[in-house]
Amino acid sequence: MMPIQGFDDWLDTPQGRYVLQWEQAKHDQLVADIFGFNAVQLGLPQYDFLRANRMPFRLHCDDLPGGIGSGRLITNPHYLPFASASMDLVVLPHLLEFHEAPHQILREVERVLVPEGSVIVTGFNPFSLWGLRRRFTRAAGAPPPWRGHYLSVMRLKDWFALLGLETHSGSFGCYAPPFSQENHLRRWRFIELAGNRWWPYGGATYIIQAIKRTHGMRLIPPGWRERMMHAKALATVTAPRPRPRPSSRSSRFNLQNCNKPEES
């Protein structure tokens, strides 16, 4: 297992702050519209990617012994200590690319998600300028994010499909080259809008949301029409029949017969 050691230190660099600002804004947009009761963030607990979510129970988990703190849980992402179908939202900020067996982590996420629950994954795009630099600086001693295994969006979509997770939404961001100086990154901020328009798949990072679908489940709406027809038929059968009214002719005849004097 390769924990994200040193990744939080890299996030304090100009490159890290550049990435973190974009990812935090995208998380705020996505999690604000996801409802339920239980949400969990796996990894990077010092950054609250669930802050815009309104679920009553939000938990932050860490896999580093030194990262324990208030409201945090030390856990192994390959074997989550949660019951099956107990989580409405699971957030994985750069967790899959710095751990062995990322597919096993997704299996655990699928297990703990409730039907129609969501998982949000962020990662570095291998088909970008940052991914190109990683190819030349991914030595064993290289700091994050230049080590680990980058996962493409297409591979994640394939894994989602195998696990019954349906890709819902996603986007790319951070199109500036991987400069280490903050002023250089600031000068290239103009490229964000151009990148979204001209090369939308070339962003350094991505965020993707998938929803757990339960196959074979069909909602049965109430049969209001059949119930109304049955109620009308029942009312017709049980309604009392009106009594026939005597005709006026027979009434006068009977009245005349009653008033006619008897013959002596």
C-alpha atoms as a PDB file:
ATOM      1  CA  MET A   1       0.000   0.000   0.000  1.00  0.00           C
ATOM      2  CA  MET A   2       1.267   3.490  -0.888  1.00  0.00           C
ATOM      3  CA  PRO A   3      -0.273   6.100   1.431  1.00  0.00           C
ATOM      4  CA  ILE A   4      -0.357   9.720   0.377  1.00  0.00           C
ATOM      5  CA  GLN A   5       2.738  10.617   2.369  1.00  0.00           C
ATOM      6  CA  GLY A   6       3.960  14.089   1.560  1.00  0.00           C
ATOM      7  CA  PHE A   7       0.962  14.951  -0.580  1.00  0.00           C
ATOM      8  CA  ASP A   8      -0.430  17.378   1.997  1.00  0.00           C
ATOM      9  CA  ASP A   9       2.962  19.143   2.052  1.00  0.00           C
ATOM     10  CA  TRP A  10       2.877  19.433  -1.721  1.00  0.00           C
ATOM     11  CA  LEU A  11      -0.584  20.999  -1.506  1.00  0.00           C
ATOM     12  CA  ASP A  12       1.029  23.914   0.357  1.00  0.00           C
ATOM     13  CA  THR A  13       3.201  24.717  -2.660  1.00  0.00           C
ATOM     14  CA  PRO A  14       2.032  27.081  -5.427  1.00  0.00           C
ATOM     15  CA  GLN A  15       1.235  24.095  -7.636  1.00  0.00           C
ATOM     16  CA  GLY A  16      -0.723  22.421  -4.865  1.00  0.00           C
ATOM     17  CA  ARG A  17      -2.713  25.540  -4.015  1.00  0.00           C
ATOM     18  CA  TYR A  18      -3.530  25.966  -7.694  1.00  0.00           C
ATOM     19  CA  VAL A  19      -4.930  22.434  -7.862  1.00  0.00           C
ATOM     20  CA  LEU A  20      -6.618  22.594  -4.474  1.00  0.00           C
ATOM     21  CA  GLN A  21      -8.491  25.797  -5.292  1.00  0.00           C
ATOM     22  CA  TRP A  22     -10.036  24.292  -8.406  1.00  0.00           C
ATOM     23  CA  GLU A  23     -10.905  20.974  -6.754  1.00  0.00           C
ATOM     24  CA  GLN A  24     -12.440  22.604  -3.687  1.00  0.00           C
ATOM     25  CA  ALA A  25     -14.722  24.740  -5.864  1.00  0.00           C
ATOM     26  CA  LYS A  26     -15.824  21.717  -7.914  1.00  0.00           C
ATOM     27  CA  HIS A  27     -16.507  19.648  -4.787  1.00  0.00           C
ATOM     28  CA  ASP A  28     -18.625  22.453  -3.366  1.00  0.00           C
ATOM     29  CA  GLN A  29     -20.748  22.451  -6.516  1.00  0.00           C
ATOM     30  CA  LEU A  30     -21.264  18.697  -6.639  1.00  0.00           C
ATOM     31  CA  VAL A  31     -21.836  17.793  -2.978  1.00  0.00           C
ATOM     32  CA  ALA A  32     -24.305  20.632  -2.414  1.00  0.00           C
ATOM     33  CA  ASP A  33     -26.963  18.800  -4.468  1.00  0.00           C
ATOM     34  CA  ILE A  34     -26.444  15.332  -2.952  1.00  0.00           C
ATOM     35  CA  PHE A  35     -28.846  14.491  -0.133  1.00  0.00           C
ATOM     36  CA  GLY A  36     -29.042  11.724   2.421  1.00  0.00           C
ATOM     37  CA  PHE A  37     -27.865  11.001   5.962  1.00  0.00           C
ATOM     38  CA  ASN A  38     -24.256   9.708   5.907  1.00  0.00           C
ATOM     39  CA  ALA A  39     -21.253  11.035   3.974  1.00  0.00           C
ATOM     40  CA  VAL A  40     -17.591  10.065   4.288  1.00  0.00           C
ATOM     41  CA  GLN A  41     -14.363  11.483   2.886  1.00  0.00           C
ATOM     42  CA  LEU A  42     -11.475   9.028   2.509  1.00  0.00           C
ATOM     43  CA  GLY A  43      -8.092  10.708   2.568  1.00  0.00           C
ATOM     44  CA  LEU A  44      -6.807  14.259   3.048  1.00  0.00           C
ATOM     45  CA  PRO A  45      -8.928  14.901   6.158  1.00  0.00           C
ATOM     46  CA  GLN A  46      -7.235  18.255   6.740  1.00  0.00           C
ATOM     47  CA  TYR A  47      -9.204  19.574   3.743  1.00  0.00           C
ATOM     48  CA  ASP A  48     -12.968  19.502   4.072  1.00  0.00           C
ATOM     49  CA  PHE A  49     -14.393  18.578   0.677  1.00  0.00           C
ATOM     50  CA  LEU A  50     -17.777  17.954   2.335  1.00  0.00           C
ATOM     51  CA  ARG A  51     -18.194  21.464   3.701  1.00  0.00           C
ATOM     52  CA  ALA A  52     -20.968  22.381   1.229  1.00  0.00           C
ATOM     53  CA  ASN A  53     -22.926  19.186   1.896  1.00  0.00           C
ATOM     54  CA  ARG A  54     -25.942  19.274   4.244  1.00  0.00           C
ATOM     55  CA  MET A  55     -26.054  15.671   5.444  1.00  0.00           C
ATOM     56  CA  PRO A  56     -26.322  15.383   9.243  1.00  0.00           C
ATOM     57  CA  PHE A  57     -23.441  12.877   9.574  1.00  0.00           C
ATOM     58  CA  ARG A  58     -20.168  13.701   7.782  1.00  0.00           C
ATOM     59  CA  LEU A  59     -17.046  11.688   8.568  1.00  0.00           C
ATOM     60  CA  HIS A  60     -13.412  12.223   7.536  1.00  0.00           C
ATOM     61  CA  CYS A  61     -11.142   9.181   7.398  1.00  0.00           C
ATOM     62  CA  ASP A  62      -7.372   8.991   7.187  1.00  0.00           C
ATOM     63  CA  ASP A  63      -5.012   6.103   6.545  1.00  0.00           C
ATOM     64  CA  LEU A  64      -1.996   7.733   8.208  1.00  0.00           C
ATOM     65  CA  PRO A  65      -1.420   7.142  11.948  1.00  0.00           C
ATOM     66  CA  GLY A  66      -0.299  10.737  12.415  1.00  0.00           C
ATOM     67  CA  GLY A  67      -3.430  12.185  10.872  1.00  0.00           C
ATOM     68  CA  ILE A  68      -5.878  11.345  13.642  1.00  0.00           C
ATOM     69  CA  GLY A  69      -7.858  14.219  15.027  1.00  0.00           C
ATOM     70  CA  SER A  70     -11.295  15.444  15.955  1.00  0.00           C
ATOM     71  CA  GLY A  71     -13.969  13.748  13.866  1.00  0.00           C
ATOM     72  CA  ARG A  72     -11.433  11.570  12.013  1.00  0.00           C
ATOM     73  CA  LEU A  73     -11.114   7.827  11.777  1.00  0.00           C
ATOM     74  CA  ILE A  74      -8.004   5.815  10.945  1.00  0.00           C
ATOM     75  CA  THR A  75      -9.027   3.126   8.480  1.00  0.00           C
ATOM     76  CA  ASN A  76      -7.803   0.968   5.636  1.00  0.00           C
ATOM     77  CA  PRO A  77      -9.575   2.036   2.429  1.00  0.00           C
ATOM     78  CA  HIS A  78      -9.321  -1.529   1.093  1.00  0.00           C
ATOM     79  CA  TYR A  79     -11.542  -2.756   3.965  1.00  0.00           C
ATOM     80  CA  LEU A  80     -13.880  -0.026   5.112  1.00  0.00           C
ATOM     81  CA  PRO A  81     -15.347  -0.372   8.626  1.00  0.00           C
ATOM     82  CA  PHE A  82     -18.865   0.496   7.507  1.00  0.00           C
ATOM     83  CA  ALA A  83     -21.931  -1.648   7.041  1.00  0.00           C
ATOM     84  CA  SER A  84     -23.106  -2.484   3.551  1.00  0.00           C
ATOM     85  CA  ALA A  85     -25.510   0.045   2.025  1.00  0.00           C
ATOM     86  CA  SER A  86     -24.906   2.576   4.793  1.00  0.00           C
ATOM     87  CA  MET A  87     -23.341   5.581   3.025  1.00  0.00           C
ATOM     88  CA  ASP A  88     -25.082   8.086   0.770  1.00  0.00           C
ATOM     89  CA  LEU A  89     -21.892   9.801  -0.409  1.00  0.00           C
ATOM     90  CA  VAL A  90     -18.217   8.773  -0.558  1.00  0.00           C
ATOM     91  CA  VAL A  91     -15.535  11.272  -1.601  1.00  0.00           C
ATOM     92  CA  LEU A  92     -12.104  10.031  -2.762  1.00  0.00           C
ATOM     93  CA  PRO A  93      -9.700  12.982  -3.186  1.00  0.00           C
ATOM     94  CA  HIS A  94      -6.621  11.568  -4.974  1.00  0.00           C
ATOM     95  CA  LEU A  95      -6.913   8.309  -3.070  1.00  0.00           C
ATOM     96  CA  LEU A  96      -6.933   5.782  -5.902  1.00  0.00           C
ATOM     97  CA  GLU A  97      -3.732   6.899  -7.593  1.00  0.00           C
ATOM     98  CA  PHE A  98      -1.554   6.621  -4.470  1.00  0.00           C
ATOM     99  CA  HIS A  99      -2.746   3.204  -3.235  1.00  0.00           C
ATOM    100  CA  GLU A 100      -2.222  -0.296  -4.432  1.00  0.00           C
ATOM    101  CA  ALA A 101      -5.262  -2.172  -5.770  1.00  0.00           C
ATOM    102  CA  PRO A 102      -7.450   0.886  -6.480  1.00  0.00           C
ATOM    103  CA  HIS A 103     -10.084  -1.405  -7.935  1.00  0.00           C
ATOM    104  CA  GLN A 104     -10.457  -3.073  -4.533  1.00  0.00           C
ATOM    105  CA  ILE A 105     -11.064   0.350  -2.984  1.00  0.00           C
ATOM    106  CA  LEU A 106     -13.852   0.976  -5.479  1.00  0.00           C
ATOM    107  CA  ARG A 107     -15.341  -2.418  -4.645  1.00  0.00           C
ATOM    108  CA  GLU A 108     -15.518  -1.399  -0.995  1.00  0.00           C
ATOM    109  CA  VAL A 109     -17.046   1.918  -1.946  1.00  0.00           C
ATOM    110  CA  GLU A 110     -19.714   0.161  -3.996  1.00  0.00           C
ATOM    111  CA  ARG A 111     -20.435  -2.141  -1.058  1.00  0.00           C
ATOM    112  CA  VAL A 112     -21.005   0.629   1.481  1.00  0.00           C
ATOM    113  CA  LEU A 113     -23.033   2.838  -0.865  1.00  0.00           C
ATOM    114  CA  VAL A 114     -26.802   2.779  -0.663  1.00  0.00           C
ATOM    115  CA  PRO A 115     -28.753   2.384  -3.922  1.00  0.00           C
ATOM    116  CA  GLU A 116     -28.629   5.725  -5.751  1.00  0.00           C
ATOM    117  CA  GLY A 117     -25.665   6.739  -3.570  1.00  0.00           C
ATOM    118  CA  SER A 118     -22.822   8.783  -5.093  1.00  0.00           C
ATOM    119  CA  VAL A 119     -19.052   8.524  -5.219  1.00  0.00           C
ATOM    120  CA  ILE A 120     -16.826  11.453  -6.239  1.00  0.00           C
ATOM    121  CA  VAL A 121     -13.268  10.816  -7.431  1.00  0.00           C
ATOM    122  CA  THR A 122     -10.531  13.344  -8.148  1.00  0.00           C
ATOM    123  CA  GLY A 123      -7.234  12.529  -9.800  1.00  0.00           C
ATOM    124  CA  PHE A 124      -4.471  13.676 -12.113  1.00  0.00           C
ATOM    125  CA  ASN A 125      -4.980  13.307 -15.816  1.00  0.00           C
ATOM    126  CA  PRO A 126      -2.212  11.268 -17.492  1.00  0.00           C
ATOM    127  CA  PHE A 127      -3.046  12.870 -20.864  1.00  0.00           C
ATOM    128  CA  SER A 128      -2.022  16.396 -19.916  1.00  0.00           C
ATOM    129  CA  LEU A 129       1.081  18.550 -19.565  1.00  0.00           C
ATOM    130  CA  TRP A 130       1.280  17.462 -15.938  1.00  0.00           C
ATOM    131  CA  GLY A 131       1.056  13.834 -16.962  1.00  0.00           C
ATOM    132  CA  LEU A 132       3.815  14.414 -19.504  1.00  0.00           C
ATOM    133  CA  ARG A 133       6.074  15.843 -16.817  1.00  0.00           C
ATOM    134  CA  ARG A 134       5.315  12.900 -14.559  1.00  0.00           C
ATOM    135  CA  ARG A 135       6.790  10.539 -17.144  1.00  0.00           C
ATOM    136  CA  PHE A 136      10.174  12.196 -16.690  1.00  0.00           C
ATOM    137  CA  THR A 137      10.036  12.725 -12.898  1.00  0.00           C
ATOM    138  CA  ARG A 138       8.314   9.629 -11.541  1.00  0.00           C
ATOM    139  CA  ALA A 139      11.378   8.219  -9.818  1.00  0.00           C
ATOM    140  CA  ALA A 140      10.982   6.353  -6.564  1.00  0.00           C
ATOM    141  CA  GLY A 141      12.014   9.359  -4.485  1.00  0.00           C
ATOM    142  CA  ALA A 142       9.930  11.887  -6.408  1.00  0.00           C
ATOM    143  CA  PRO A 143       7.377  13.774  -4.300  1.00  0.00           C
ATOM    144  CA  PRO A 144       3.676  13.744  -5.084  1.00  0.00           C
ATOM    145  CA  PRO A 145       2.119  14.240  -7.513  1.00  0.00           C
ATOM    146  CA  TRP A 146       4.998  12.969  -9.650  1.00  0.00           C
ATOM    147  CA  ARG A 147       4.753   9.404  -8.392  1.00  0.00           C
ATOM    148  CA  GLY A 148       1.977   6.887  -8.085  1.00  0.00           C
ATOM    149  CA  HIS A 149      -0.150   5.625 -10.936  1.00  0.00           C
ATOM    150  CA  TYR A 150      -2.335   8.080 -12.782  1.00  0.00           C
ATOM    151  CA  LEU A 151      -5.761   6.704 -13.726  1.00  0.00           C
ATOM    152  CA  SER A 152      -7.429   7.976 -16.854  1.00  0.00           C
ATOM    153  CA  VAL A 153     -11.086   8.894 -16.932  1.00  0.00           C
ATOM    154  CA  MET A 154     -11.793   6.153 -19.465  1.00  0.00           C
ATOM    155  CA  ARG A 155     -10.362   3.514 -17.165  1.00  0.00           C
ATOM    156  CA  LEU A 156     -12.418   4.835 -14.256  1.00  0.00           C
ATOM    157  CA  LYS A 157     -15.560   4.716 -16.369  1.00  0.00           C
ATOM    158  CA  ASP A 158     -14.835   1.081 -17.247  1.00  0.00           C
ATOM    159  CA  TRP A 159     -14.387   0.227 -13.576  1.00  0.00           C
ATOM    160  CA  PHE A 160     -17.575   2.066 -12.697  1.00  0.00           C
ATOM    161  CA  ALA A 161     -19.505   0.093 -15.304  1.00  0.00           C
ATOM    162  CA  LEU A 162     -18.162  -3.227 -14.002  1.00  0.00           C
ATOM    163  CA  LEU A 163     -19.262  -2.341 -10.464  1.00  0.00           C
ATOM    164  CA  GLY A 164     -22.723  -1.113 -11.425  1.00  0.00           C
ATOM    165  CA  LEU A 165     -21.817   2.556 -10.980  1.00  0.00           C
ATOM    166  CA  GLU A 166     -23.185   4.907 -13.596  1.00  0.00           C
ATOM    167  CA  THR A 167     -21.089   7.948 -14.530  1.00  0.00           C
ATOM    168  CA  HIS A 168     -23.187  11.018 -13.811  1.00  0.00           C
ATOM    169  CA  SER A 169     -21.040  14.131 -14.290  1.00  0.00           C
ATOM    170  CA  GLY A 170     -17.461  15.343 -14.339  1.00  0.00           C
ATOM    171  CA  SER A 171     -15.055  17.980 -15.611  1.00  0.00           C
ATOM    172  CA  PHE A 172     -11.394  18.747 -16.208  1.00  0.00           C
ATOM    173  CA  GLY A 173      -9.431  21.700 -14.889  1.00  0.00           C
ATOM    174  CA  CYS A 174      -6.018  23.300 -14.265  1.00  0.00           C
ATOM    175  CA  TYR A 175      -4.820  23.768 -17.841  1.00  0.00           C
ATOM    176  CA  ALA A 176      -1.758  25.847 -16.970  1.00  0.00           C
ATOM    177  CA  PRO A 177       1.653  24.183 -17.390  1.00  0.00           C
ATOM    178  CA  PRO A 178       3.178  22.769 -14.185  1.00  0.00           C
ATOM    179  CA  PHE A 179       5.182  25.839 -13.241  1.00  0.00           C
ATOM    180  CA  SER A 180       6.616  25.895  -9.744  1.00  0.00           C
ATOM    181  CA  GLN A 181       6.428  29.699  -9.413  1.00  0.00           C
ATOM    182  CA  GLU A 182       3.149  31.243  -8.352  1.00  0.00           C
ATOM    183  CA  ASN A 183       3.537  34.307 -10.578  1.00  0.00           C
ATOM    184  CA  HIS A 184       3.974  32.070 -13.638  1.00  0.00           C
ATOM    185  CA  LEU A 185       0.850  30.129 -12.763  1.00  0.00           C
ATOM    186  CA  ARG A 186      -1.039  33.363 -12.292  1.00  0.00           C
ATOM    187  CA  ARG A 187      -0.014  34.596 -15.722  1.00  0.00           C
ATOM    188  CA  TRP A 188      -1.421  31.443 -17.296  1.00  0.00           C
ATOM    189  CA  ARG A 189      -4.827  31.679 -15.633  1.00  0.00           C
ATOM    190  CA  PHE A 190      -6.275  32.999 -18.899  1.00  0.00           C
ATOM    191  CA  ILE A 191      -5.861  29.527 -20.377  1.00  0.00           C
ATOM    192  CA  GLU A 192      -8.593  28.049 -18.154  1.00  0.00           C
ATOM    193  CA  LEU A 193     -11.457  29.277 -20.331  1.00  0.00           C
ATOM    194  CA  ALA A 194      -9.594  28.457 -23.529  1.00  0.00           C
ATOM    195  CA  GLY A 195      -8.809  24.967 -22.286  1.00  0.00           C
ATOM    196  CA  ASN A 196     -12.433  24.200 -21.477  1.00  0.00           C
ATOM    197  CA  ARG A 197     -13.360  25.208 -25.008  1.00  0.00           C
ATOM    198  CA  TRP A 198     -10.530  23.955 -27.216  1.00  0.00           C
ATOM    199  CA  TRP A 199      -8.986  20.980 -25.409  1.00  0.00           C
ATOM    200  CA  PRO A 200     -11.428  19.972 -22.647  1.00  0.00           C
ATOM    201  CA  TYR A 201      -9.662  16.654 -21.977  1.00  0.00           C
ATOM    202  CA  GLY A 202      -6.237  18.196 -21.422  1.00  0.00           C
ATOM    203  CA  GLY A 203      -6.694  19.498 -17.886  1.00  0.00           C
ATOM    204  CA  ALA A 204      -4.169  18.493 -15.253  1.00  0.00           C
ATOM    205  CA  THR A 205      -6.861  17.248 -12.856  1.00  0.00           C
ATOM    206  CA  TYR A 206     -10.363  15.878 -13.147  1.00  0.00           C
ATOM    207  CA  ILE A 207     -13.369  15.287 -10.954  1.00  0.00           C
ATOM    208  CA  ILE A 208     -15.961  12.625 -11.749  1.00  0.00           C
ATOM    209  CA  GLN A 209     -19.188  11.568 -10.033  1.00  0.00           C
ATOM    210  CA  ALA A 210     -20.818   8.153 -10.324  1.00  0.00           C
ATOM    211  CA  ILE A 211     -24.117   6.860  -8.927  1.00  0.00           C
ATOM    212  CA  LYS A 212     -24.802   3.330  -7.744  1.00  0.00           C
ATOM    213  CA  ARG A 213     -27.612   1.811  -9.775  1.00  0.00           C
ATOM    214  CA  THR A 214     -29.509  -1.289  -8.639  1.00  0.00           C
ATOM    215  CA  HIS A 215     -30.404  -3.397 -11.664  1.00  0.00           C
ATOM    216  CA  GLY A 216     -33.645  -5.317 -11.626  1.00  0.00           C
ATOM    217  CA  MET A 217     -35.389  -2.904  -9.270  1.00  0.00           C
ATOM    218  CA  ARG A 218     -38.623  -1.489 -10.688  1.00  0.00           C
ATOM    219  CA  LEU A 219     -40.812   1.087  -9.018  1.00  0.00           C
ATOM    220  CA  ILE A 220     -44.516   0.121  -8.949  1.00  0.00           C
ATOM    221  CA  PRO A 221     -46.731   3.203  -8.877  1.00  0.00           C
ATOM    222  CA  PRO A 222     -50.053   3.011  -7.044  1.00  0.00           C
ATOM    223  CA  GLY A 223     -52.960   1.923  -9.266  1.00  0.00           C
ATOM    224  CA  TRP A 224     -55.102   5.002  -8.698  1.00  0.00           C
ATOM    225  CA  ARG A 225     -57.128   4.444 -11.890  1.00  0.00           C
ATOM    226  CA  GLU A 226     -57.953   0.823 -11.089  1.00  0.00           C
ATOM    227  CA  ARG A 227     -58.866   1.729  -7.528  1.00  0.00           C
ATOM    228  CA  MET A 228     -61.187   4.499  -8.742  1.00  0.00           C
ATOM    229  CA  MET A 229     -62.938   2.200 -11.211  1.00  0.00           C
ATOM    230  CA  HIS A 230     -63.364  -0.432  -8.502  1.00  0.00           C
ATOM    231  CA  ALA A 231     -64.817   2.165  -6.134  1.00  0.00           C
ATOM    232  CA  LYS A 232     -67.303   3.328  -8.785  1.00  0.00           C
ATOM    233  CA  ALA A 233     -68.399  -0.241  -9.507  1.00  0.00           C
ATOM    234  CA  LEU A 234     -68.852  -0.942  -5.826  1.00  0.00           C
ATOM    235  CA  ALA A 235     -70.899   2.208  -5.359  1.00  0.00           C
ATOM    236  CA  THR A 236     -73.152   1.223  -8.278  1.00  0.00           C
ATOM    237  CA  VAL A 237     -73.859  -2.213  -6.832  1.00  0.00           C
ATOM    238  CA  THR A 238     -74.566  -1.084  -3.292  1.00  0.00           C
ATOM    239  CA  ALA A 239     -76.631   2.000  -4.147  1.00  0.00           C
ATOM    240  CA  PRO A 240     -80.367   1.580  -3.216  1.00  0.00           C
ATOM    241  CA  ARG A 241     -82.747   1.337  -6.121  1.00  0.00           C
ATOM    242  CA  PRO A 242     -85.376   4.116  -6.290  1.00  0.00           C
ATOM    243  CA  ARG A 243     -88.989   3.032  -5.723  1.00  0.00           C
ATOM    244  CA  PRO A 244     -91.283   3.320  -8.763  1.00  0.00           C
ATOM    245  CA  ARG A 245     -93.763   6.172  -8.467  1.00  0.00           C
ATOM    246  CA  PRO A 246     -97.414   5.333  -9.315  1.00  0.00           C
ATOM    247  CA  SER A 247     -98.840   6.969 -12.389  1.00  0.00           C
ATOM    248  CA  SER A 248    -101.354   9.801 -12.003  1.00  0.00           C
ATOM    249  CA  ARG A 249    -104.080   7.890 -13.897  1.00  0.00           C
ATOM    250  CA  SER A 250    -104.083   4.915 -11.586  1.00  0.00           C
ATOM    251  CA  SER A 251    -104.120   7.219  -8.603  1.00  0.00           C
ATOM    252  CA  ARG A 252    -107.235   9.056  -9.808  1.00  0.00           C
ATOM    253  CA  PHE A 253    -108.943   5.770 -10.617  1.00  0.00           C
ATOM    254  CA  ASN A 254    -108.335   4.380  -7.197  1.00  0.00           C
ATOM    255  CA  LEU A 255    -109.419   7.633  -5.606  1.00  0.00           C
ATOM    256  CA  GLN A 256    -112.681   7.653  -7.592  1.00  0.00           C
ATOM    257  CA  ASN A 257    -113.426   4.077  -6.637  1.00  0.00           C
ATOM    258  CA  CYS A 258    -112.923   4.867  -2.997  1.00  0.00           C
ATOM    259  CA  ASN A 259    -115.297   7.883  -3.052  1.00  0.00           C
ATOM    260  CA  LYS A 260    -118.071   6.192  -5.115  1.00  0.00           C
ATOM    261  CA  PRO A 261    -121.224   5.457  -2.933  1.00  0.00           C
ATOM    262  CA  GLU A 262    -122.367   1.890  -2.728  1.00  0.00           C
ATOM    263  CA  GLU A 263    -125.627   0.910  -4.458  1.00  0.00           C
ATOM    264  CA  SER A 264    -128.530  -0.160  -2.237  1.00  0.00           C
END
